[in-house]
Amino acid sequence: MEIASHLIRLKGKDDIIVRIHFSPFAFSEDDSGERIIIIEDITRRMLIERYLVVSEKMVAKGEMAAAIGHEMNNYLTAIMSGAQLLPKYIESERFEKVSEKVESIVNSIDRMKRFTAGLMDFSALETNKSLSELAPVIDDVVFFVKPQQRFKNIDIEIDMPPDLPGIMMDPGQIHQVLLNLLINAADAINSRKAEKGVVKISVEADDSNVTLTISDNGPGIPEEIFPRLFEPHFTSKEKGHGLGLATCKKILEGHGGQITGINNPDGGACIVITLPLR
């Protein structure tokens, strides 16, 4: 049985979109040319579908804008902290510190430029992997965050073997991941208003993977949050966007790695990252 369907737009004051169905009689003994014709007005359905497409595009744009704001704010905070310290170092003639801060600010601006350059295709975080050392990236992130006010009463401890092998990675993106995780740890510690906070960064390697663990002595991760920990737009922060951990997960998946969250037996949260060596 032959069935045909055609979509027609009727022009007028208000366009009408109809779907016309042609079907032969099911019990016709001969091909007499008789057909059943059904005309269906689908204008409303097409308009709803069009609005849904527009709505999805607007949501996507909103998500992209929020993600840009989240990442740029991290870098701008560090730049501001460095810039605020420059006059003090100049006044006290500690010019070696001036040089360090200027270099840090320039590096931050360079990372921001690289980040914005990749926004042309936000849905696919472009990963440019090369054989790189993890130790300088960790040291650079720690140097980057220490001047920030949120780290004022927080010690950052690093436990890393001296013979750590090189990793096939995008150093800029891994820097972005570690920056997000350190800021999250600091915010968690500060939320409980402890006298002294500690963030520990430990690294281990075997024949195929490098495991990086960031733990803190904050309040830990509430049990009800675990299933949604890396879900976009989910956050337990009062002013959070819920994009930091989701971005970290996407970047690490692009590296063939993994990220998980657990609570330390002695209290505090622990984020575990696994990256393949090659």
C-alpha atoms as a PDB file:
ATOM      1  CA  MET A   1       0.000   0.000   0.000  1.00  0.00           C
ATOM      2  CA  GLU A   2       1.505   3.290  -1.098  1.00  0.00           C
ATOM      3  CA  ILE A   3       1.342   6.198   1.363  1.00  0.00           C
ATOM      4  CA  ALA A   4       2.627   9.674   0.504  1.00  0.00           C
ATOM      5  CA  SER A   5       2.967  12.767   2.659  1.00  0.00           C
ATOM      6  CA  HIS A   6       3.715  16.351   1.610  1.00  0.00           C
ATOM      7  CA  LEU A   7       4.393  19.536   3.559  1.00  0.00           C
ATOM      8  CA  ILE A   8       2.891  22.742   2.148  1.00  0.00           C
ATOM      9  CA  ARG A   9       3.117  26.337   3.348  1.00  0.00           C
ATOM     10  CA  LEU A  10       0.039  28.437   2.494  1.00  0.00           C
ATOM     11  CA  LYS A  11       1.024  32.095   2.166  1.00  0.00           C
ATOM     12  CA  GLY A  12      -1.281  34.801   3.443  1.00  0.00           C
ATOM     13  CA  LYS A  13      -1.714  37.258   6.256  1.00  0.00           C
ATOM     14  CA  ASP A  14      -0.655  34.502   8.652  1.00  0.00           C
ATOM     15  CA  ASP A  15       1.209  31.599   7.105  1.00  0.00           C
ATOM     16  CA  ILE A  16      -0.418  28.223   7.563  1.00  0.00           C
ATOM     17  CA  ILE A  17       1.601  25.021   7.332  1.00  0.00           C
ATOM     18  CA  VAL A  18      -0.305  21.870   6.416  1.00  0.00           C
ATOM     19  CA  ARG A  19       0.713  18.261   5.914  1.00  0.00           C
ATOM     20  CA  ILE A  20      -1.250  16.399   3.240  1.00  0.00           C
ATOM     21  CA  HIS A  21      -1.403  12.598   3.392  1.00  0.00           C
ATOM     22  CA  PHE A  22      -2.390  10.517   0.321  1.00  0.00           C
ATOM     23  CA  SER A  23      -3.286   6.880   0.782  1.00  0.00           C
ATOM     24  CA  PRO A  24      -5.141   4.365  -1.426  1.00  0.00           C
ATOM     25  CA  PHE A  25      -8.148   2.501  -0.111  1.00  0.00           C
ATOM     26  CA  ALA A  26      -6.915  -0.563   1.761  1.00  0.00           C
ATOM     27  CA  PHE A  27      -9.646  -2.842   0.361  1.00  0.00           C
ATOM     28  CA  SER A  28      -9.802  -1.582  -3.211  1.00  0.00           C
ATOM     29  CA  GLU A  29      -9.766  -4.523  -5.671  1.00  0.00           C
ATOM     30  CA  ASP A  30      -8.392  -2.489  -8.533  1.00  0.00           C
ATOM     31  CA  ASP A  31      -6.238   0.588  -8.977  1.00  0.00           C
ATOM     32  CA  SER A  32      -9.079   2.941  -9.698  1.00  0.00           C
ATOM     33  CA  GLY A  33      -7.055   5.968  -8.653  1.00  0.00           C
ATOM     34  CA  GLU A  34      -9.241   6.611  -5.628  1.00  0.00           C
ATOM     35  CA  ARG A  35      -7.324   7.960  -2.666  1.00  0.00           C
ATOM     36  CA  ILE A  36      -7.903   9.026   0.907  1.00  0.00           C
ATOM     37  CA  ILE A  37      -6.643  12.555   1.409  1.00  0.00           C
ATOM     38  CA  ILE A  38      -6.030  13.854   4.936  1.00  0.00           C
ATOM     39  CA  ILE A  39      -5.098  17.507   5.440  1.00  0.00           C
ATOM     40  CA  GLU A  40      -3.516  18.246   8.814  1.00  0.00           C
ATOM     41  CA  ASP A  41      -2.860  21.776  10.096  1.00  0.00           C
ATOM     42  CA  ILE A  42       0.558  21.562  11.789  1.00  0.00           C
ATOM     43  CA  THR A  43       1.247  25.307  12.061  1.00  0.00           C
ATOM     44  CA  ARG A  44       1.173  25.307  15.854  1.00  0.00           C
ATOM     45  CA  ARG A  45       3.406  22.257  16.088  1.00  0.00           C
ATOM     46  CA  MET A  46       5.988  23.792  13.735  1.00  0.00           C
ATOM     47  CA  LEU A  47       5.982  27.053  15.701  1.00  0.00           C
ATOM     48  CA  ILE A  48       6.519  25.182  18.976  1.00  0.00           C
ATOM     49  CA  GLU A  49       9.412  23.230  17.437  1.00  0.00           C
ATOM     50  CA  ARG A  50      10.911  26.474  16.159  1.00  0.00           C
ATOM     51  CA  TYR A  51      10.635  28.097  19.583  1.00  0.00           C
ATOM     52  CA  LEU A  52      12.212  25.034  21.191  1.00  0.00           C
ATOM     53  CA  VAL A  53      15.199  25.293  18.839  1.00  0.00           C
ATOM     54  CA  VAL A  54      15.584  29.009  19.615  1.00  0.00           C
ATOM     55  CA  SER A  55      15.221  28.298  23.334  1.00  0.00           C
ATOM     56  CA  GLU A  56      17.901  25.597  23.223  1.00  0.00           C
ATOM     57  CA  LYS A  57      20.249  27.988  21.429  1.00  0.00           C
ATOM     58  CA  MET A  58      19.635  30.650  24.078  1.00  0.00           C
ATOM     59  CA  VAL A  59      20.314  28.161  26.856  1.00  0.00           C
ATOM     60  CA  ALA A  60      23.540  27.107  25.129  1.00  0.00           C
ATOM     61  CA  LYS A  61      24.608  30.741  24.836  1.00  0.00           C
ATOM     62  CA  GLY A  62      23.802  31.283  28.512  1.00  0.00           C
ATOM     63  CA  GLU A  63      25.849  28.241  29.499  1.00  0.00           C
ATOM     64  CA  MET A  64      28.772  29.451  27.423  1.00  0.00           C
ATOM     65  CA  ALA A  65      28.584  32.949  28.911  1.00  0.00           C
ATOM     66  CA  ALA A  66      28.489  31.542  32.454  1.00  0.00           C
ATOM     67  CA  ALA A  67      31.442  29.245  31.768  1.00  0.00           C
ATOM     68  CA  ILE A  68      33.451  32.121  30.296  1.00  0.00           C
ATOM     69  CA  GLY A  69      32.661  34.287  33.302  1.00  0.00           C
ATOM     70  CA  HIS A  70      33.620  31.514  35.712  1.00  0.00           C
ATOM     71  CA  GLU A  71      37.015  30.803  34.145  1.00  0.00           C
ATOM     72  CA  MET A  72      37.897  34.434  33.426  1.00  0.00           C
ATOM     73  CA  ASN A  73      37.039  35.429  36.990  1.00  0.00           C
ATOM     74  CA  ASN A  74      39.588  32.919  38.316  1.00  0.00           C
ATOM     75  CA  TYR A  75      42.371  34.480  36.255  1.00  0.00           C
ATOM     76  CA  LEU A  76      41.280  38.065  36.870  1.00  0.00           C
ATOM     77  CA  THR A  77      41.278  37.502  40.640  1.00  0.00           C
ATOM     78  CA  ALA A  78      44.895  36.366  40.527  1.00  0.00           C
ATOM     79  CA  ILE A  79      45.867  39.280  38.275  1.00  0.00           C
ATOM     80  CA  MET A  80      44.203  41.741  40.638  1.00  0.00           C
ATOM     81  CA  SER A  81      45.973  40.239  43.649  1.00  0.00           C
ATOM     82  CA  GLY A  82      49.331  40.531  41.917  1.00  0.00           C
ATOM     83  CA  ALA A  83      48.654  44.078  40.751  1.00  0.00           C
ATOM     84  CA  GLN A  84      47.643  45.177  44.270  1.00  0.00           C
ATOM     85  CA  LEU A  85      50.932  43.876  45.686  1.00  0.00           C
ATOM     86  CA  LEU A  86      53.137  45.645  43.123  1.00  0.00           C
ATOM     87  CA  PRO A  87      53.040  49.138  44.755  1.00  0.00           C
ATOM     88  CA  LYS A  88      53.959  47.629  48.137  1.00  0.00           C
ATOM     89  CA  TYR A  89      56.937  45.775  46.693  1.00  0.00           C
ATOM     90  CA  ILE A  90      58.104  48.887  44.825  1.00  0.00           C
ATOM     91  CA  GLU A  91      57.734  51.050  47.923  1.00  0.00           C
ATOM     92  CA  SER A  92      59.781  48.600  49.992  1.00  0.00           C
ATOM     93  CA  GLU A  93      62.293  48.199  47.102  1.00  0.00           C
ATOM     94  CA  ARG A  94      61.726  44.451  46.923  1.00  0.00           C
ATOM     95  CA  PHE A  95      62.302  44.498  43.202  1.00  0.00           C
ATOM     96  CA  GLU A  96      62.807  40.735  42.887  1.00  0.00           C
ATOM     97  CA  LYS A  97      59.172  40.329  43.993  1.00  0.00           C
ATOM     98  CA  VAL A  98      58.092  42.965  41.482  1.00  0.00           C
ATOM     99  CA  SER A  99      59.651  40.917  38.695  1.00  0.00           C
ATOM    100  CA  GLU A 100      57.901  37.757  39.900  1.00  0.00           C
ATOM    101  CA  LYS A 101      54.500  39.424  40.067  1.00  0.00           C
ATOM    102  CA  VAL A 102      54.846  41.064  36.664  1.00  0.00           C
ATOM    103  CA  GLU A 103      55.769  37.699  35.137  1.00  0.00           C
ATOM    104  CA  SER A 104      52.797  36.072  36.882  1.00  0.00           C
ATOM    105  CA  ILE A 105      50.417  38.745  35.555  1.00  0.00           C
ATOM    106  CA  VAL A 106      51.767  38.387  32.012  1.00  0.00           C
ATOM    107  CA  ASN A 107      51.396  34.589  32.189  1.00  0.00           C
ATOM    108  CA  SER A 108      47.832  34.948  33.435  1.00  0.00           C
ATOM    109  CA  ILE A 109      46.939  37.268  30.570  1.00  0.00           C
ATOM    110  CA  ASP A 110      48.514  34.813  28.131  1.00  0.00           C
ATOM    111  CA  ARG A 111      46.348  31.994  29.519  1.00  0.00           C
ATOM    112  CA  MET A 112      43.272  34.188  29.248  1.00  0.00           C
ATOM    113  CA  LYS A 113      44.087  34.890  25.593  1.00  0.00           C
ATOM    114  CA  ARG A 114      44.496  31.163  24.947  1.00  0.00           C
ATOM    115  CA  PHE A 115      41.213  30.440  26.692  1.00  0.00           C
ATOM    116  CA  THR A 116      39.283  33.052  24.709  1.00  0.00           C
ATOM    117  CA  ALA A 117      40.896  31.872  21.460  1.00  0.00           C
ATOM    118  CA  GLY A 118      39.315  28.464  22.007  1.00  0.00           C
ATOM    119  CA  LEU A 119      35.803  29.828  22.476  1.00  0.00           C
ATOM    120  CA  MET A 120      34.981  29.653  18.785  1.00  0.00           C
ATOM    121  CA  ASP A 121      34.052  26.017  19.401  1.00  0.00           C
ATOM    122  CA  PHE A 122      33.049  25.907  23.036  1.00  0.00           C
ATOM    123  CA  SER A 123      31.317  22.538  22.762  1.00  0.00           C
ATOM    124  CA  ALA A 124      34.624  20.835  22.048  1.00  0.00           C
ATOM    125  CA  LEU A 125      37.387  22.008  24.343  1.00  0.00           C
ATOM    126  CA  GLU A 126      40.320  21.820  21.962  1.00  0.00           C
ATOM    127  CA  THR A 127      43.144  19.824  23.486  1.00  0.00           C
ATOM    128  CA  ASN A 128      46.684  20.347  22.214  1.00  0.00           C
ATOM    129  CA  LYS A 129      48.643  17.614  23.943  1.00  0.00           C
ATOM    130  CA  SER A 130      52.406  17.389  24.055  1.00  0.00           C
ATOM    131  CA  LEU A 131      54.909  15.569  26.238  1.00  0.00           C
ATOM    132  CA  SER A 132      55.045  17.865  29.275  1.00  0.00           C
ATOM    133  CA  GLU A 133      56.199  17.908  32.889  1.00  0.00           C
ATOM    134  CA  LEU A 134      53.490  18.024  35.547  1.00  0.00           C
ATOM    135  CA  ALA A 135      55.680  19.471  38.322  1.00  0.00           C
ATOM    136  CA  PRO A 136      56.087  22.971  36.765  1.00  0.00           C
ATOM    137  CA  VAL A 137      52.329  23.155  36.150  1.00  0.00           C
ATOM    138  CA  ILE A 138      51.591  22.372  39.812  1.00  0.00           C
ATOM    139  CA  ASP A 139      54.218  24.835  41.048  1.00  0.00           C
ATOM    140  CA  ASP A 140      52.862  27.519  38.729  1.00  0.00           C
ATOM    141  CA  VAL A 141      49.261  27.042  39.915  1.00  0.00           C
ATOM    142  CA  VAL A 142      50.328  27.241  43.579  1.00  0.00           C
ATOM    143  CA  PHE A 143      52.351  30.393  42.883  1.00  0.00           C
ATOM    144  CA  PHE A 144      49.328  31.730  40.999  1.00  0.00           C
ATOM    145  CA  VAL A 145      46.816  31.291  43.855  1.00  0.00           C
ATOM    146  CA  LYS A 146      48.872  32.034  46.977  1.00  0.00           C
ATOM    147  CA  PRO A 147      48.461  35.844  46.807  1.00  0.00           C
ATOM    148  CA  GLN A 148      44.677  35.531  46.690  1.00  0.00           C
ATOM    149  CA  GLN A 149      42.775  36.535  49.808  1.00  0.00           C
ATOM    150  CA  ARG A 150      40.948  33.193  49.987  1.00  0.00           C
ATOM    151  CA  PHE A 151      44.309  31.437  50.556  1.00  0.00           C
ATOM    152  CA  LYS A 152      45.464  33.813  53.300  1.00  0.00           C
ATOM    153  CA  ASN A 153      45.090  31.251  56.114  1.00  0.00           C
ATOM    154  CA  ILE A 154      45.677  28.128  54.050  1.00  0.00           C
ATOM    155  CA  ASP A 155      48.880  26.120  53.729  1.00  0.00           C
ATOM    156  CA  ILE A 156      49.436  24.229  50.479  1.00  0.00           C
ATOM    157  CA  GLU A 157      51.550  21.092  50.833  1.00  0.00           C
ATOM    158  CA  ILE A 158      52.997  19.295  47.808  1.00  0.00           C
ATOM    159  CA  ASP A 159      54.149  15.665  47.846  1.00  0.00           C
ATOM    160  CA  MET A 160      55.585  14.725  44.475  1.00  0.00           C
ATOM    161  CA  PRO A 161      58.356  12.317  43.446  1.00  0.00           C
ATOM    162  CA  PRO A 162      61.411  13.984  41.880  1.00  0.00           C
ATOM    163  CA  ASP A 163      61.541  11.472  39.010  1.00  0.00           C
ATOM    164  CA  LEU A 164      57.968  11.973  37.827  1.00  0.00           C
ATOM    165  CA  PRO A 165      57.769  10.993  34.115  1.00  0.00           C
ATOM    166  CA  GLY A 166      56.484  13.346  31.440  1.00  0.00           C
ATOM    167  CA  ILE A 167      52.811  13.164  30.455  1.00  0.00           C
ATOM    168  CA  MET A 168      51.047  13.636  27.152  1.00  0.00           C
ATOM    169  CA  MET A 169      48.856  16.566  28.158  1.00  0.00           C
ATOM    170  CA  ASP A 170      47.755  20.105  27.415  1.00  0.00           C
ATOM    171  CA  PRO A 171      49.545  22.097  30.173  1.00  0.00           C
ATOM    172  CA  GLY A 172      47.155  25.056  29.882  1.00  0.00           C
ATOM    173  CA  GLN A 173      44.076  22.884  30.372  1.00  0.00           C
ATOM    174  CA  ILE A 174      45.597  20.922  33.261  1.00  0.00           C
ATOM    175  CA  HIS A 175      46.512  24.281  34.833  1.00  0.00           C
ATOM    176  CA  GLN A 176      42.844  25.246  34.462  1.00  0.00           C
ATOM    177  CA  VAL A 177      41.733  22.008  36.172  1.00  0.00           C
ATOM    178  CA  LEU A 178      44.112  22.419  39.118  1.00  0.00           C
ATOM    179  CA  LEU A 179      43.175  26.082  39.494  1.00  0.00           C
ATOM    180  CA  ASN A 180      39.488  25.183  39.777  1.00  0.00           C
ATOM    181  CA  LEU A 181      40.177  22.407  42.288  1.00  0.00           C
ATOM    182  CA  LEU A 182      42.408  24.543  44.522  1.00  0.00           C
ATOM    183  CA  ILE A 183      39.852  27.370  44.558  1.00  0.00           C
ATOM    184  CA  ASN A 184      37.084  24.885  45.433  1.00  0.00           C
ATOM    185  CA  ALA A 185      39.203  23.494  48.276  1.00  0.00           C
ATOM    186  CA  ALA A 186      39.927  26.983  49.623  1.00  0.00           C
ATOM    187  CA  ASP A 187      36.259  27.985  49.455  1.00  0.00           C
ATOM    188  CA  ALA A 188      35.273  24.803  51.305  1.00  0.00           C
ATOM    189  CA  ILE A 189      37.836  25.423  54.055  1.00  0.00           C
ATOM    190  CA  ASN A 190      36.796  29.067  54.427  1.00  0.00           C
ATOM    191  CA  SER A 191      33.121  28.076  54.628  1.00  0.00           C
ATOM    192  CA  ARG A 192      33.706  26.418  57.990  1.00  0.00           C
ATOM    193  CA  LYS A 193      35.797  29.361  59.220  1.00  0.00           C
ATOM    194  CA  ALA A 194      38.622  27.207  60.549  1.00  0.00           C
ATOM    195  CA  GLU A 195      41.655  28.893  62.097  1.00  0.00           C
ATOM    196  CA  LYS A 196      44.079  27.132  59.766  1.00  0.00           C
ATOM    197  CA  GLY A 197      43.369  25.375  56.505  1.00  0.00           C
ATOM    198  CA  VAL A 198      45.494  22.805  54.707  1.00  0.00           C
ATOM    199  CA  VAL A 199      45.360  21.691  51.083  1.00  0.00           C
ATOM    200  CA  LYS A 200      47.523  18.723  50.147  1.00  0.00           C
ATOM    201  CA  ILE A 201      48.590  17.937  46.599  1.00  0.00           C
ATOM    202  CA  SER A 202      50.080  14.474  46.173  1.00  0.00           C
ATOM    203  CA  VAL A 203      51.245  12.768  42.991  1.00  0.00           C
ATOM    204  CA  GLU A 204      52.025   9.119  42.299  1.00  0.00           C
ATOM    205  CA  ALA A 205      52.964   7.329  39.086  1.00  0.00           C
ATOM    206  CA  ASP A 206      53.035   3.772  37.821  1.00  0.00           C
ATOM    207  CA  ASP A 207      53.878   2.303  34.430  1.00  0.00           C
ATOM    208  CA  SER A 208      50.774   3.638  32.709  1.00  0.00           C
ATOM    209  CA  ASN A 209      49.151   6.405  34.783  1.00  0.00           C
ATOM    210  CA  VAL A 210      49.780   9.391  36.983  1.00  0.00           C
ATOM    211  CA  THR A 211      47.420   9.839  39.934  1.00  0.00           C
ATOM    212  CA  LEU A 212      47.051  13.324  41.375  1.00  0.00           C
ATOM    213  CA  THR A 213      45.137  13.830  44.625  1.00  0.00           C
ATOM    214  CA  ILE A 214      43.975  17.156  46.060  1.00  0.00           C
ATOM    215  CA  SER A 215      42.630  16.927  49.605  1.00  0.00           C
ATOM    216  CA  ASP A 216      41.584  19.544  52.141  1.00  0.00           C
ATOM    217  CA  ASN A 217      40.527  19.798  55.769  1.00  0.00           C
ATOM    218  CA  GLY A 218      37.213  21.459  54.976  1.00  0.00           C
ATOM    219  CA  PRO A 219      33.751  20.122  55.829  1.00  0.00           C
ATOM    220  CA  GLY A 220      33.841  17.405  53.164  1.00  0.00           C
ATOM    221  CA  ILE A 221      31.316  16.537  50.470  1.00  0.00           C
ATOM    222  CA  PRO A 222      27.724  15.963  51.648  1.00  0.00           C
ATOM    223  CA  GLU A 223      26.508  12.467  50.738  1.00  0.00           C
ATOM    224  CA  GLU A 224      23.516  13.781  48.787  1.00  0.00           C
ATOM    225  CA  ILE A 225      25.824  15.792  46.503  1.00  0.00           C
ATOM    226  CA  PHE A 226      28.013  12.888  45.312  1.00  0.00           C
ATOM    227  CA  PRO A 227      25.690  11.726  42.472  1.00  0.00           C
ATOM    228  CA  ARG A 228      25.650  15.259  40.991  1.00  0.00           C
ATOM    229  CA  LEU A 229      29.174  16.377  41.872  1.00  0.00           C
ATOM    230  CA  PHE A 230      30.329  16.809  38.244  1.00  0.00           C
ATOM    231  CA  GLU A 231      26.953  17.747  36.794  1.00  0.00           C
ATOM    232  CA  PRO A 232      26.861  21.101  34.925  1.00  0.00           C
ATOM    233  CA  HIS A 233      25.076  23.928  36.764  1.00  0.00           C
ATOM    234  CA  PHE A 234      24.861  22.008  40.028  1.00  0.00           C
ATOM    235  CA  THR A 235      26.569  23.764  42.933  1.00  0.00           C
ATOM    236  CA  SER A 236      26.445  23.869  46.716  1.00  0.00           C
ATOM    237  CA  LYS A 237      27.984  27.348  46.758  1.00  0.00           C
ATOM    238  CA  GLU A 238      25.714  30.292  47.442  1.00  0.00           C
ATOM    239  CA  LYS A 239      27.087  32.250  44.470  1.00  0.00           C
ATOM    240  CA  GLY A 240      28.447  29.377  42.394  1.00  0.00           C
ATOM    241  CA  HIS A 241      27.669  28.585  38.760  1.00  0.00           C
ATOM    242  CA  GLY A 242      28.234  24.832  38.947  1.00  0.00           C
ATOM    243  CA  LEU A 243      30.618  24.856  35.976  1.00  0.00           C
ATOM    244  CA  GLY A 244      34.062  24.373  37.552  1.00  0.00           C
ATOM    245  CA  LEU A 245      33.952  20.626  38.217  1.00  0.00           C
ATOM    246  CA  ALA A 246      31.959  19.956  35.040  1.00  0.00           C
ATOM    247  CA  THR A 247      34.661  21.716  33.012  1.00  0.00           C
ATOM    248  CA  CYS A 248      37.372  19.752  34.850  1.00  0.00           C
ATOM    249  CA  LYS A 249      35.636  16.485  33.987  1.00  0.00           C
ATOM    250  CA  LYS A 250      35.316  17.444  30.323  1.00  0.00           C
ATOM    251  CA  ILE A 251      38.974  18.441  30.075  1.00  0.00           C
ATOM    252  CA  LEU A 252      40.177  15.241  31.753  1.00  0.00           C
ATOM    253  CA  GLU A 253      37.972  13.083  29.553  1.00  0.00           C
ATOM    254  CA  GLY A 254      39.620  14.810  26.585  1.00  0.00           C
ATOM    255  CA  HIS A 255      42.940  13.590  28.007  1.00  0.00           C
ATOM    256  CA  GLY A 256      41.647  10.036  28.434  1.00  0.00           C
ATOM    257  CA  GLY A 257      41.682  10.568  32.197  1.00  0.00           C
ATOM    258  CA  GLN A 258      39.214  10.367  35.063  1.00  0.00           C
ATOM    259  CA  ILE A 259      38.177  12.437  38.067  1.00  0.00           C
ATOM    260  CA  THR A 260      36.379  11.253  41.197  1.00  0.00           C
ATOM    261  CA  GLY A 261      35.480  12.753  44.551  1.00  0.00           C
ATOM    262  CA  ILE A 262      35.567  11.099  47.978  1.00  0.00           C
ATOM    263  CA  ASN A 263      35.664  12.123  51.625  1.00  0.00           C
ATOM    264  CA  ASN A 264      38.758  11.628  53.761  1.00  0.00           C
ATOM    265  CA  PRO A 265      38.298   9.327  56.766  1.00  0.00           C
ATOM    266  CA  ASP A 266      39.656  12.120  58.990  1.00  0.00           C
ATOM    267  CA  GLY A 267      37.368  14.737  57.424  1.00  0.00           C
ATOM    268  CA  GLY A 268      37.569  16.986  54.406  1.00  0.00           C
ATOM    269  CA  ALA A 269      37.149  16.343  50.701  1.00  0.00           C
ATOM    270  CA  CYS A 270      39.475  14.555  48.326  1.00  0.00           C
ATOM    271  CA  ILE A 271      39.502  14.840  44.524  1.00  0.00           C
ATOM    272  CA  VAL A 272      41.414  12.124  42.668  1.00  0.00           C
ATOM    273  CA  ILE A 273      42.615  12.622  39.088  1.00  0.00           C
ATOM    274  CA  THR A 274      44.044   9.880  36.913  1.00  0.00           C
ATOM    275  CA  LEU A 275      45.938  10.758  33.725  1.00  0.00           C
ATOM    276  CA  PRO A 276      47.486   8.286  31.272  1.00  0.00           C
ATOM    277  CA  LEU A 277      51.188   8.776  30.627  1.00  0.00           C
ATOM    278  CA  ARG A 278      50.665   8.386  26.877  1.00  0.00           C
END
